Amino acid sequence: MEIIIEQLGTTHNVLDRQKFKQSEVTIGRAYSNDLILTDEHVDEAHAHIYQDDLGEWRIEDRNSLNGVKKYKRKSRLQNQPISSGDIFTIGRNKIRVLFGNHPIPATVKIRFSEVFLLWIGRLPVLISLIIGYVLIKGLTIYSVTSSELQWSAIVSNNLQSALMFVGLAVLVYLLSILFKRGGNFLSHLGVLILAFFFSEVLGFLLELLKFNTSSQLDLLTGFLESASGHLVLFLYFWCILYLAFHIPLKRRTIICLALVTVFVGIEWLNRERLEDFFAQTIRADQSLMPPAFLLKSPPQSEQHFEQAFDLFDQAGQDKLQRQQSQQLTDSQ
């Protein structure tokens, strides 16, 4: 019966897979072995896997310096039977032994989200995302800047953001290489730019909402502002866990929810944030934007004065009614 030997990485990702049809497989650093391991902690002839007279597969240590151990076990093995799927430690290497009839997981249908994540790594799409981000960033800066625009400061700040984008994308990509997952660097960069683009769009829409609403909607706009940041964070983590580590959909979603929950907990444990949330204060961060961004035209000055005079008349009538009521009470 044939066997398959997989070399595993730190997260049990498969680094190499080989199939052997012979009844004995030798493992070690020497070139004469069937399975050659380059780790300096492995002997020239470290171990061998063989099929005994009863047809049972066994693994045997060949008097190596560091021994053969079953995964998560401290004791050294001398000669032990193998079950399909067993993992052994040889030096600092992990190998998994599988029989030819070992069951495999069900085939997973290619999802649109996975195709989309690879699609945004294409150079034309990436350039389009960069242009879109620059445009929405410029619109946001123009809309919330009440003083004269200083282009040198704008370029300097956005240059720092761009370098941060590239640095973060490189870091995640290097982590994926470290864990032997690989991936497309342009896809990593595209996901990051898309996350910041989405964040800028939501930020601009929220500024527009605050500019066109009264302070009565402070709680709603504050909640939307906080929720939008957490949503972007969730989507970014969700995409990266697939691109960098190929984590399955269900597990990926659970991990992202847990990470965002931790961030929310850290944010709301801040005492000042709690005081701001419960304090009944007038909004001090009312957005200032050009009049062109008003969705509803403000009342004209004549209409404003009429409303003011109506308020004074109403106040006078209320005062007169109170005086008459007081006089009636005194006379009784």
C-alpha atoms as a PDB file:
ATOM      1  CA  MET A   1       0.000   0.000   0.000  1.00  0.00           C
ATOM      2  CA  GLU A   2       1.327   3.424  -0.925  1.00  0.00           C
ATOM      3  CA  ILE A   3       1.880   6.171   1.645  1.00  0.00           C
ATOM      4  CA  ILE A   4       2.003   9.943   1.420  1.00  0.00           C
ATOM      5  CA  ILE A   5       4.383  11.993   3.563  1.00  0.00           C
ATOM      6  CA  GLU A   6       3.731  15.710   4.028  1.00  0.00           C
ATOM      7  CA  GLN A   7       6.177  18.211   5.477  1.00  0.00           C
ATOM      8  CA  LEU A   8       4.259  20.734   7.602  1.00  0.00           C
ATOM      9  CA  GLY A   9       4.861  24.367   8.512  1.00  0.00           C
ATOM     10  CA  THR A  10       4.280  26.134  11.812  1.00  0.00           C
ATOM     11  CA  THR A  11       0.529  26.353  11.256  1.00  0.00           C
ATOM     12  CA  HIS A  12       0.325  22.817   9.836  1.00  0.00           C
ATOM     13  CA  ASN A  13       0.253  24.203   6.309  1.00  0.00           C
ATOM     14  CA  VAL A  14       1.668  21.728   3.805  1.00  0.00           C
ATOM     15  CA  LEU A  15       5.161  22.709   2.618  1.00  0.00           C
ATOM     16  CA  ASP A  16       5.805  19.582   0.571  1.00  0.00           C
ATOM     17  CA  ARG A  17       3.960  16.378  -0.260  1.00  0.00           C
ATOM     18  CA  GLN A  18       5.435  13.175  -1.687  1.00  0.00           C
ATOM     19  CA  LYS A  19       3.972   9.784  -2.500  1.00  0.00           C
ATOM     20  CA  PHE A  20       5.961   6.574  -2.013  1.00  0.00           C
ATOM     21  CA  LYS A  21       5.009   3.177  -3.410  1.00  0.00           C
ATOM     22  CA  GLN A  22       7.822   1.153  -1.895  1.00  0.00           C
ATOM     23  CA  SER A  23       7.484  -0.734   1.410  1.00  0.00           C
ATOM     24  CA  GLU A  24      10.266   1.262   3.126  1.00  0.00           C
ATOM     25  CA  VAL A  25      11.068   4.983   3.189  1.00  0.00           C
ATOM     26  CA  THR A  26      14.308   6.283   4.686  1.00  0.00           C
ATOM     27  CA  ILE A  27      14.435   9.778   6.206  1.00  0.00           C
ATOM     28  CA  GLY A  28      17.495  11.875   6.940  1.00  0.00           C
ATOM     29  CA  ARG A  29      19.929  14.531   5.742  1.00  0.00           C
ATOM     30  CA  ALA A  30      22.037  12.296   3.543  1.00  0.00           C
ATOM     31  CA  TYR A  31      21.327  12.390  -0.191  1.00  0.00           C
ATOM     32  CA  SER A  32      20.866   8.634  -0.224  1.00  0.00           C
ATOM     33  CA  ASN A  33      17.557   8.938   1.699  1.00  0.00           C
ATOM     34  CA  ASP A  34      14.149   8.743   0.072  1.00  0.00           C
ATOM     35  CA  LEU A  35      12.942  11.782   2.035  1.00  0.00           C
ATOM     36  CA  ILE A  36      15.716  14.363   2.443  1.00  0.00           C
ATOM     37  CA  LEU A  37      15.418  16.930   5.246  1.00  0.00           C
ATOM     38  CA  THR A  38      17.870  19.865   5.282  1.00  0.00           C
ATOM     39  CA  ASP A  39      17.498  20.704   8.978  1.00  0.00           C
ATOM     40  CA  GLU A  40      20.853  20.548  10.802  1.00  0.00           C
ATOM     41  CA  HIS A  41      19.121  18.859  13.735  1.00  0.00           C
ATOM     42  CA  VAL A  42      18.397  15.819  11.564  1.00  0.00           C
ATOM     43  CA  ASP A  43      20.940  12.973  11.347  1.00  0.00           C
ATOM     44  CA  GLU A  44      22.271  11.624   8.068  1.00  0.00           C
ATOM     45  CA  ALA A  45      20.179   8.507   8.640  1.00  0.00           C
ATOM     46  CA  HIS A  46      17.562   9.641  11.129  1.00  0.00           C
ATOM     47  CA  ALA A  47      14.493   7.393  10.771  1.00  0.00           C
ATOM     48  CA  HIS A  48      12.724   5.084   8.448  1.00  0.00           C
ATOM     49  CA  ILE A  49       9.136   4.110   7.811  1.00  0.00           C
ATOM     50  CA  TYR A  50       8.472   0.530   6.773  1.00  0.00           C
ATOM     51  CA  GLN A  51       5.756  -2.051   6.350  1.00  0.00           C
ATOM     52  CA  ASP A  52       6.106  -5.114   8.575  1.00  0.00           C
ATOM     53  CA  ASP A  53       5.213  -8.726   7.763  1.00  0.00           C
ATOM     54  CA  LEU A  54       1.590  -8.137   8.786  1.00  0.00           C
ATOM     55  CA  GLY A  55       1.259  -5.214   6.398  1.00  0.00           C
ATOM     56  CA  GLU A  56       1.235  -2.628   9.186  1.00  0.00           C
ATOM     57  CA  TRP A  57       3.204   0.599   8.708  1.00  0.00           C
ATOM     58  CA  ARG A  58       5.666   1.522  11.449  1.00  0.00           C
ATOM     59  CA  ILE A  59       8.180   4.305  12.138  1.00  0.00           C
ATOM     60  CA  GLU A  60      11.560   3.537  13.692  1.00  0.00           C
ATOM     61  CA  ASP A  61      14.301   5.758  15.068  1.00  0.00           C
ATOM     62  CA  ARG A  62      17.764   4.897  13.693  1.00  0.00           C
ATOM     63  CA  ASN A  63      19.679   5.898  16.849  1.00  0.00           C
ATOM     64  CA  SER A  64      19.481   9.603  15.968  1.00  0.00           C
ATOM     65  CA  LEU A  65      20.777  12.373  18.212  1.00  0.00           C
ATOM     66  CA  ASN A  66      17.474  14.228  18.647  1.00  0.00           C
ATOM     67  CA  GLY A  67      15.149  11.271  18.196  1.00  0.00           C
ATOM     68  CA  VAL A  68      11.698  10.859  16.714  1.00  0.00           C
ATOM     69  CA  LYS A  69       8.686  12.086  18.664  1.00  0.00           C
ATOM     70  CA  LYS A  70       4.976  12.042  18.105  1.00  0.00           C
ATOM     71  CA  TYR A  71       3.545  15.553  17.789  1.00  0.00           C
ATOM     72  CA  LYS A  72       2.895  17.170  21.205  1.00  0.00           C
ATOM     73  CA  ARG A  73       4.598  14.242  22.983  1.00  0.00           C
ATOM     74  CA  LYS A  74       7.907  14.577  24.826  1.00  0.00           C
ATOM     75  CA  SER A  75       8.961  10.939  24.915  1.00  0.00           C
ATOM     76  CA  ARG A  76      11.158   9.577  22.141  1.00  0.00           C
ATOM     77  CA  LEU A  77       9.880   6.759  19.961  1.00  0.00           C
ATOM     78  CA  GLN A  78      11.855   3.679  19.116  1.00  0.00           C
ATOM     79  CA  ASN A  79       9.473   1.695  16.994  1.00  0.00           C
ATOM     80  CA  GLN A  80       5.775   2.514  16.773  1.00  0.00           C
ATOM     81  CA  PRO A  81       2.850   1.618  14.502  1.00  0.00           C
ATOM     82  CA  ILE A  82       1.431   4.411  12.353  1.00  0.00           C
ATOM     83  CA  SER A  83      -2.179   5.420  11.887  1.00  0.00           C
ATOM     84  CA  SER A  84      -3.136   7.440   8.841  1.00  0.00           C
ATOM     85  CA  GLY A  85      -2.846  11.148   9.706  1.00  0.00           C
ATOM     86  CA  ASP A  86      -0.255  10.771  12.488  1.00  0.00           C
ATOM     87  CA  ILE A  87       2.185  13.688  12.849  1.00  0.00           C
ATOM     88  CA  PHE A  88       5.787  13.156  13.958  1.00  0.00           C
ATOM     89  CA  THR A  89       8.588  15.533  14.894  1.00  0.00           C
ATOM     90  CA  ILE A  90      11.990  14.793  13.336  1.00  0.00           C
ATOM     91  CA  GLY A  91      14.555  17.368  14.439  1.00  0.00           C
ATOM     92  CA  ARG A  92      12.617  20.598  14.074  1.00  0.00           C
ATOM     93  CA  ASN A  93      10.522  19.260  11.200  1.00  0.00           C
ATOM     94  CA  LYS A  94       6.959  18.037  11.368  1.00  0.00           C
ATOM     95  CA  ILE A  95       5.857  15.310   8.982  1.00  0.00           C
ATOM     96  CA  ARG A  96       2.395  13.831   8.540  1.00  0.00           C
ATOM     97  CA  VAL A  97       1.976  10.272   7.264  1.00  0.00           C
ATOM     98  CA  LEU A  98      -1.140   9.444   5.260  1.00  0.00           C
ATOM     99  CA  PHE A  99      -2.315   6.247   3.637  1.00  0.00           C
ATOM    100  CA  GLY A 100      -3.627   6.229   0.093  1.00  0.00           C
ATOM    101  CA  ASN A 101      -7.204   5.674   1.256  1.00  0.00           C
ATOM    102  CA  HIS A 102      -7.179   8.583   3.752  1.00  0.00           C
ATOM    103  CA  PRO A 103     -10.421  10.632   3.459  1.00  0.00           C
ATOM    104  CA  ILE A 104     -10.154  14.194   2.194  1.00  0.00           C
ATOM    105  CA  PRO A 105     -12.370  17.217   2.998  1.00  0.00           C
ATOM    106  CA  ALA A 106     -15.258  18.023   0.702  1.00  0.00           C
ATOM    107  CA  THR A 107     -14.538  20.214  -2.309  1.00  0.00           C
ATOM    108  CA  VAL A 108     -15.206  23.911  -1.652  1.00  0.00           C
ATOM    109  CA  LYS A 109     -16.971  25.988  -4.280  1.00  0.00           C
ATOM    110  CA  ILE A 110     -15.060  29.024  -5.498  1.00  0.00           C
ATOM    111  CA  ARG A 111     -16.790  32.053  -3.991  1.00  0.00           C
ATOM    112  CA  PHE A 112     -17.226  35.457  -5.575  1.00  0.00           C
ATOM    113  CA  SER A 113     -15.401  37.104  -2.660  1.00  0.00           C
ATOM    114  CA  GLU A 114     -12.277  35.016  -3.318  1.00  0.00           C
ATOM    115  CA  VAL A 115     -12.314  35.832  -7.038  1.00  0.00           C
ATOM    116  CA  PHE A 116     -12.844  39.500  -6.202  1.00  0.00           C
ATOM    117  CA  LEU A 117      -9.890  39.588  -3.807  1.00  0.00           C
ATOM    118  CA  LEU A 118      -7.599  38.256  -6.514  1.00  0.00           C
ATOM    119  CA  TRP A 119      -9.152  40.550  -9.133  1.00  0.00           C
ATOM    120  CA  ILE A 120      -8.299  43.733  -7.220  1.00  0.00           C
ATOM    121  CA  GLY A 121      -4.645  42.684  -7.409  1.00  0.00           C
ATOM    122  CA  ARG A 122      -4.613  43.322 -11.172  1.00  0.00           C
ATOM    123  CA  LEU A 123      -2.568  46.390 -12.055  1.00  0.00           C
ATOM    124  CA  PRO A 124      -5.337  48.337 -13.909  1.00  0.00           C
ATOM    125  CA  VAL A 125      -7.755  47.757 -11.022  1.00  0.00           C
ATOM    126  CA  LEU A 126      -5.115  48.785  -8.500  1.00  0.00           C
ATOM    127  CA  ILE A 127      -4.372  52.021 -10.391  1.00  0.00           C
ATOM    128  CA  SER A 128      -8.118  52.766 -10.534  1.00  0.00           C
ATOM    129  CA  LEU A 129      -8.391  52.253  -6.766  1.00  0.00           C
ATOM    130  CA  ILE A 130      -5.483  54.631  -6.160  1.00  0.00           C
ATOM    131  CA  ILE A 131      -7.054  57.314  -8.380  1.00  0.00           C
ATOM    132  CA  GLY A 132     -10.429  56.857  -6.682  1.00  0.00           C
ATOM    133  CA  TYR A 133      -8.867  57.134  -3.246  1.00  0.00           C
ATOM    134  CA  VAL A 134      -6.971  60.324  -4.200  1.00  0.00           C
ATOM    135  CA  LEU A 135     -10.176  61.893  -5.549  1.00  0.00           C
ATOM    136  CA  ILE A 136     -12.316  61.090  -2.506  1.00  0.00           C
ATOM    137  CA  LYS A 137      -9.490  62.182  -0.205  1.00  0.00           C
ATOM    138  CA  GLY A 138      -9.230  65.496  -2.057  1.00  0.00           C
ATOM    139  CA  LEU A 139     -12.991  66.002  -1.861  1.00  0.00           C
ATOM    140  CA  THR A 140     -12.957  65.315   1.887  1.00  0.00           C
ATOM    141  CA  ILE A 141     -10.099  67.741   2.480  1.00  0.00           C
ATOM    142  CA  TYR A 142     -11.824  70.448   0.413  1.00  0.00           C
ATOM    143  CA  SER A 143     -15.154  69.974   2.169  1.00  0.00           C
ATOM    144  CA  VAL A 144     -13.879  70.223   5.754  1.00  0.00           C
ATOM    145  CA  THR A 145     -11.159  72.873   5.295  1.00  0.00           C
ATOM    146  CA  SER A 146     -12.437  76.328   6.235  1.00  0.00           C
ATOM    147  CA  SER A 147      -9.105  78.128   5.802  1.00  0.00           C
ATOM    148  CA  GLU A 148      -6.871  78.421   2.776  1.00  0.00           C
ATOM    149  CA  LEU A 149      -5.668  75.079   1.437  1.00  0.00           C
ATOM    150  CA  GLN A 150      -1.975  74.435   1.993  1.00  0.00           C
ATOM    151  CA  TRP A 151      -1.022  72.018  -0.736  1.00  0.00           C
ATOM    152  CA  SER A 152       2.426  71.324   0.689  1.00  0.00           C
ATOM    153  CA  ALA A 153       0.905  70.113   3.973  1.00  0.00           C
ATOM    154  CA  ILE A 154      -1.707  68.051   2.115  1.00  0.00           C
ATOM    155  CA  VAL A 155       0.937  66.361  -0.055  1.00  0.00           C
ATOM    156  CA  SER A 156       3.141  65.732   2.986  1.00  0.00           C
ATOM    157  CA  ASN A 157       0.340  64.164   5.025  1.00  0.00           C
ATOM    158  CA  ASN A 158      -0.850  61.976   2.157  1.00  0.00           C
ATOM    159  CA  LEU A 159       2.707  60.920   1.346  1.00  0.00           C
ATOM    160  CA  GLN A 160       2.984  59.617   4.888  1.00  0.00           C
ATOM    161  CA  SER A 161      -0.307  57.767   4.442  1.00  0.00           C
ATOM    162  CA  ALA A 162       0.899  56.266   1.165  1.00  0.00           C
ATOM    163  CA  LEU A 163       4.122  55.048   2.778  1.00  0.00           C
ATOM    164  CA  MET A 164       2.061  53.598   5.626  1.00  0.00           C
ATOM    165  CA  PHE A 165      -0.147  51.784   3.082  1.00  0.00           C
ATOM    166  CA  VAL A 166       2.829  50.206   1.357  1.00  0.00           C
ATOM    167  CA  GLY A 167       4.582  49.366   4.647  1.00  0.00           C
ATOM    168  CA  LEU A 168       1.528  47.633   6.103  1.00  0.00           C
ATOM    169  CA  ALA A 169       0.926  45.704   2.877  1.00  0.00           C
ATOM    170  CA  VAL A 170       4.572  44.597   2.811  1.00  0.00           C
ATOM    171  CA  LEU A 171       4.365  43.491   6.460  1.00  0.00           C
ATOM    172  CA  VAL A 172       1.276  41.355   5.863  1.00  0.00           C
ATOM    173  CA  TYR A 173       2.780  39.921   2.675  1.00  0.00           C
ATOM    174  CA  LEU A 174       6.005  38.995   4.501  1.00  0.00           C
ATOM    175  CA  LEU A 175       3.959  37.286   7.202  1.00  0.00           C
ATOM    176  CA  SER A 176       2.194  35.239   4.530  1.00  0.00           C
ATOM    177  CA  ILE A 177       5.575  34.253   3.083  1.00  0.00           C
ATOM    178  CA  LEU A 178       6.844  33.381   6.565  1.00  0.00           C
ATOM    179  CA  PHE A 179       3.918  31.009   7.063  1.00  0.00           C
ATOM    180  CA  LYS A 180       4.477  29.585   3.551  1.00  0.00           C
ATOM    181  CA  ARG A 181       1.080  30.794   2.348  1.00  0.00           C
ATOM    182  CA  GLY A 182       2.341  33.067  -0.419  1.00  0.00           C
ATOM    183  CA  GLY A 183      -0.136  35.250  -2.227  1.00  0.00           C
ATOM    184  CA  ASN A 184      -0.080  38.197  -4.585  1.00  0.00           C
ATOM    185  CA  PHE A 185       1.527  41.341  -3.162  1.00  0.00           C
ATOM    186  CA  LEU A 186      -0.603  43.566  -5.416  1.00  0.00           C
ATOM    187  CA  SER A 187      -3.712  41.897  -3.979  1.00  0.00           C
ATOM    188  CA  HIS A 188      -2.523  42.707  -0.447  1.00  0.00           C
ATOM    189  CA  LEU A 189      -1.929  46.316  -1.465  1.00  0.00           C
ATOM    190  CA  GLY A 190      -5.273  46.482  -3.285  1.00  0.00           C
ATOM    191  CA  VAL A 191      -7.178  45.235  -0.221  1.00  0.00           C
ATOM    192  CA  LEU A 192      -5.511  47.870   1.934  1.00  0.00           C
ATOM    193  CA  ILE A 193      -6.250  50.718  -0.492  1.00  0.00           C
ATOM    194  CA  LEU A 194      -9.829  49.488  -0.878  1.00  0.00           C
ATOM    195  CA  ALA A 195     -10.264  49.510   2.914  1.00  0.00           C
ATOM    196  CA  PHE A 196      -9.001  53.094   3.197  1.00  0.00           C
ATOM    197  CA  PHE A 197     -11.070  54.150   0.167  1.00  0.00           C
ATOM    198  CA  PHE A 198     -14.190  52.672   1.757  1.00  0.00           C
ATOM    199  CA  SER A 199     -13.304  54.403   5.026  1.00  0.00           C
ATOM    200  CA  GLU A 200     -12.902  57.778   3.283  1.00  0.00           C
ATOM    201  CA  VAL A 201     -16.244  57.394   1.496  1.00  0.00           C
ATOM    202  CA  LEU A 202     -18.030  56.570   4.760  1.00  0.00           C
ATOM    203  CA  GLY A 203     -16.237  59.440   6.498  1.00  0.00           C
ATOM    204  CA  PHE A 204     -17.287  61.936   3.844  1.00  0.00           C
ATOM    205  CA  LEU A 205     -20.915  60.740   3.938  1.00  0.00           C
ATOM    206  CA  LEU A 206     -20.945  61.083   7.729  1.00  0.00           C
ATOM    207  CA  GLU A 207     -19.524  64.620   7.531  1.00  0.00           C
ATOM    208  CA  LEU A 208     -22.247  65.440   5.013  1.00  0.00           C
ATOM    209  CA  LEU A 209     -24.876  63.969   7.343  1.00  0.00           C
ATOM    210  CA  LYS A 210     -23.638  65.939  10.358  1.00  0.00           C
ATOM    211  CA  PHE A 211     -23.542  69.138   8.301  1.00  0.00           C
ATOM    212  CA  ASN A 212     -27.167  68.696   7.248  1.00  0.00           C
ATOM    213  CA  THR A 213     -28.652  67.569  10.574  1.00  0.00           C
ATOM    214  CA  SER A 214     -29.250  69.140  13.935  1.00  0.00           C
ATOM    215  CA  SER A 215     -27.734  68.225  17.266  1.00  0.00           C
ATOM    216  CA  GLN A 216     -30.781  66.043  17.992  1.00  0.00           C
ATOM    217  CA  LEU A 217     -29.172  63.305  15.877  1.00  0.00           C
ATOM    218  CA  ASP A 218     -25.838  63.387  17.735  1.00  0.00           C
ATOM    219  CA  LEU A 219     -26.304  59.902  19.147  1.00  0.00           C
ATOM    220  CA  LEU A 220     -27.117  58.434  15.730  1.00  0.00           C
ATOM    221  CA  THR A 221     -24.230  60.104  13.907  1.00  0.00           C
ATOM    222  CA  GLY A 222     -21.821  59.159  16.694  1.00  0.00           C
ATOM    223  CA  PHE A 223     -22.945  55.540  16.510  1.00  0.00           C
ATOM    224  CA  LEU A 224     -22.630  55.504  12.707  1.00  0.00           C
ATOM    225  CA  GLU A 225     -19.154  57.028  12.909  1.00  0.00           C
ATOM    226  CA  SER A 226     -17.980  54.383  15.349  1.00  0.00           C
ATOM    227  CA  ALA A 227     -19.729  51.535  13.511  1.00  0.00           C
ATOM    228  CA  SER A 228     -18.249  52.535  10.149  1.00  0.00           C
ATOM    229  CA  GLY A 229     -14.711  52.296  11.519  1.00  0.00           C
ATOM    230  CA  HIS A 230     -15.384  48.877  13.012  1.00  0.00           C
ATOM    231  CA  LEU A 231     -16.980  47.700   9.770  1.00  0.00           C
ATOM    232  CA  VAL A 232     -13.922  48.720   7.750  1.00  0.00           C
ATOM    233  CA  LEU A 233     -11.686  46.999  10.293  1.00  0.00           C
ATOM    234  CA  PHE A 234     -13.746  43.793  10.050  1.00  0.00           C
ATOM    235  CA  LEU A 235     -13.659  43.771   6.239  1.00  0.00           C
ATOM    236  CA  TYR A 236      -9.910  44.376   6.156  1.00  0.00           C
ATOM    237  CA  PHE A 237      -9.153  41.555   8.587  1.00  0.00           C
ATOM    238  CA  TRP A 238     -11.588  39.292   6.729  1.00  0.00           C
ATOM    239  CA  CYS A 239      -9.841  39.852   3.403  1.00  0.00           C
ATOM    240  CA  ILE A 240      -6.309  39.563   4.783  1.00  0.00           C
ATOM    241  CA  LEU A 241      -6.988  36.296   6.596  1.00  0.00           C
ATOM    242  CA  TYR A 242      -7.906  34.767   3.253  1.00  0.00           C
ATOM    243  CA  LEU A 243      -5.146  36.319   1.146  1.00  0.00           C
ATOM    244  CA  ALA A 244      -2.323  35.804   3.635  1.00  0.00           C
ATOM    245  CA  PHE A 245      -3.321  32.610   5.419  1.00  0.00           C
ATOM    246  CA  HIS A 246      -6.128  30.983   3.340  1.00  0.00           C
ATOM    247  CA  ILE A 247      -8.292  30.532   6.438  1.00  0.00           C
ATOM    248  CA  PRO A 248     -11.725  29.007   5.626  1.00  0.00           C
ATOM    249  CA  LEU A 249     -14.781  31.269   5.481  1.00  0.00           C
ATOM    250  CA  LYS A 250     -16.477  30.287   8.767  1.00  0.00           C
ATOM    251  CA  ARG A 251     -13.310  30.318  10.824  1.00  0.00           C
ATOM    252  CA  ARG A 252     -12.203  33.563   9.165  1.00  0.00           C
ATOM    253  CA  THR A 253     -15.482  35.283  10.062  1.00  0.00           C
ATOM    254  CA  ILE A 254     -15.323  34.125  13.695  1.00  0.00           C
ATOM    255  CA  ILE A 255     -11.733  35.350  14.077  1.00  0.00           C
ATOM    256  CA  CYS A 256     -12.620  38.747  12.562  1.00  0.00           C
ATOM    257  CA  LEU A 257     -15.624  39.165  14.866  1.00  0.00           C
ATOM    258  CA  ALA A 258     -13.414  38.312  17.852  1.00  0.00           C
ATOM    259  CA  LEU A 259     -10.738  40.826  16.794  1.00  0.00           C
ATOM    260  CA  VAL A 260     -13.251  43.618  16.253  1.00  0.00           C
ATOM    261  CA  THR A 261     -14.887  42.804  19.607  1.00  0.00           C
ATOM    262  CA  VAL A 262     -11.498  43.198  21.303  1.00  0.00           C
ATOM    263  CA  PHE A 263     -10.983  46.576  19.619  1.00  0.00           C
ATOM    264  CA  VAL A 264     -14.473  47.716  20.656  1.00  0.00           C
ATOM    265  CA  GLY A 265     -13.820  46.603  24.232  1.00  0.00           C
ATOM    266  CA  ILE A 266     -10.521  48.474  24.401  1.00  0.00           C
ATOM    267  CA  GLU A 267     -12.151  51.589  22.965  1.00  0.00           C
ATOM    268  CA  TRP A 268     -15.094  51.643  25.379  1.00  0.00           C
ATOM    269  CA  LEU A 269     -12.986  50.812  28.420  1.00  0.00           C
ATOM    270  CA  ASN A 270     -11.444  54.225  27.973  1.00  0.00           C
ATOM    271  CA  ARG A 271     -12.902  56.311  30.804  1.00  0.00           C
ATOM    272  CA  GLU A 272     -12.979  59.536  28.825  1.00  0.00           C
ATOM    273  CA  ARG A 273     -14.918  57.834  26.024  1.00  0.00           C
ATOM    274  CA  LEU A 274     -17.481  56.576  28.520  1.00  0.00           C
ATOM    275  CA  GLU A 275     -17.876  60.050  30.020  1.00  0.00           C
ATOM    276  CA  ASP A 276     -18.326  61.547  26.561  1.00  0.00           C
ATOM    277  CA  PHE A 277     -20.964  58.956  25.750  1.00  0.00           C
ATOM    278  CA  PHE A 278     -23.065  59.562  28.868  1.00  0.00           C
ATOM    279  CA  ALA A 279     -22.548  63.333  29.132  1.00  0.00           C
ATOM    280  CA  GLN A 280     -25.496  65.393  27.909  1.00  0.00           C
ATOM    281  CA  THR A 281     -23.578  68.123  26.110  1.00  0.00           C
ATOM    282  CA  ILE A 282     -24.171  70.158  22.996  1.00  0.00           C
ATOM    283  CA  ARG A 283     -22.208  68.887  20.027  1.00  0.00           C
ATOM    284  CA  ALA A 284     -18.943  70.797  19.655  1.00  0.00           C
ATOM    285  CA  ASP A 285     -17.754  69.017  16.518  1.00  0.00           C
ATOM    286  CA  GLN A 286     -20.468  70.276  14.168  1.00  0.00           C
ATOM    287  CA  SER A 287     -19.103  69.879  10.648  1.00  0.00           C
ATOM    288  CA  LEU A 288     -18.259  73.037   8.733  1.00  0.00           C
ATOM    289  CA  MET A 289     -18.567  72.594   4.999  1.00  0.00           C
ATOM    290  CA  PRO A 290     -19.145  74.871   1.998  1.00  0.00           C
ATOM    291  CA  PRO A 291     -22.818  75.865   1.377  1.00  0.00           C
ATOM    292  CA  ALA A 292     -22.789  73.745  -1.793  1.00  0.00           C
ATOM    293  CA  PHE A 293     -22.907  70.627   0.401  1.00  0.00           C
ATOM    294  CA  LEU A 294     -26.233  71.599   2.011  1.00  0.00           C
ATOM    295  CA  LEU A 295     -28.852  69.125   0.856  1.00  0.00           C
ATOM    296  CA  LYS A 296     -31.683  71.525   1.846  1.00  0.00           C
ATOM    297  CA  SER A 297     -31.502  75.271   1.360  1.00  0.00           C
ATOM    298  CA  PRO A 298     -31.511  77.280   4.619  1.00  0.00           C
ATOM    299  CA  PRO A 299     -34.385  79.700   5.287  1.00  0.00           C
ATOM    300  CA  GLN A 300     -34.113  83.212   3.833  1.00  0.00           C
ATOM    301  CA  SER A 301     -33.434  86.160   6.152  1.00  0.00           C
ATOM    302  CA  GLU A 302     -37.012  87.495   5.842  1.00  0.00           C
ATOM    303  CA  GLN A 303     -38.429  84.097   6.764  1.00  0.00           C
ATOM    304  CA  HIS A 304     -35.976  83.847   9.648  1.00  0.00           C
ATOM    305  CA  PHE A 305     -37.050  87.258  11.022  1.00  0.00           C
ATOM    306  CA  GLU A 306     -40.718  86.321  10.700  1.00  0.00           C
ATOM    307  CA  GLN A 307     -40.110  83.152  12.683  1.00  0.00           C
ATOM    308  CA  ALA A 308     -38.206  85.167  15.317  1.00  0.00           C
ATOM    309  CA  PHE A 309     -41.037  87.721  15.649  1.00  0.00           C
ATOM    310  CA  ASP A 310     -43.555  84.894  15.932  1.00  0.00           C
ATOM    311  CA  LEU A 311     -41.536  83.453  18.801  1.00  0.00           C
ATOM    312  CA  PHE A 312     -41.500  86.844  20.588  1.00  0.00           C
ATOM    313  CA  ASP A 313     -45.264  87.204  20.092  1.00  0.00           C
ATOM    314  CA  GLN A 314     -45.821  83.705  21.435  1.00  0.00           C
ATOM    315  CA  ALA A 315     -43.601  84.455  24.435  1.00  0.00           C
ATOM    316  CA  GLY A 316     -45.543  87.671  25.127  1.00  0.00           C
ATOM    317  CA  GLN A 317     -48.863  85.879  24.983  1.00  0.00           C
ATOM    318  CA  ASP A 318     -47.588  83.182  27.333  1.00  0.00           C
ATOM    319  CA  LYS A 319     -46.395  85.834  29.793  1.00  0.00           C
ATOM    320  CA  LEU A 320     -49.743  87.642  29.668  1.00  0.00           C
ATOM    321  CA  GLN A 321     -51.625  84.401  30.290  1.00  0.00           C
ATOM    322  CA  ARG A 322     -49.436  83.643  33.316  1.00  0.00           C
ATOM    323  CA  GLN A 323     -50.050  87.136  34.758  1.00  0.00           C
ATOM    324  CA  GLN A 324     -53.806  86.822  34.306  1.00  0.00           C
ATOM    325  CA  SER A 325     -53.738  83.405  35.928  1.00  0.00           C
ATOM    326  CA  GLN A 326     -51.750  84.802  38.857  1.00  0.00           C
ATOM    327  CA  GLN A 327     -54.164  87.709  39.328  1.00  0.00           C
ATOM    328  CA  LEU A 328     -57.112  85.333  39.334  1.00  0.00           C
ATOM    329  CA  THR A 329     -55.451  83.209  41.950  1.00  0.00           C
ATOM    330  CA  ASP A 330     -54.704  86.257  44.178  1.00  0.00           C
ATOM    331  CA  SER A 331     -58.298  87.518  43.963  1.00  0.00           C
ATOM    332  CA  GLN A 332     -59.644  84.192  45.127  1.00  0.00           C
END
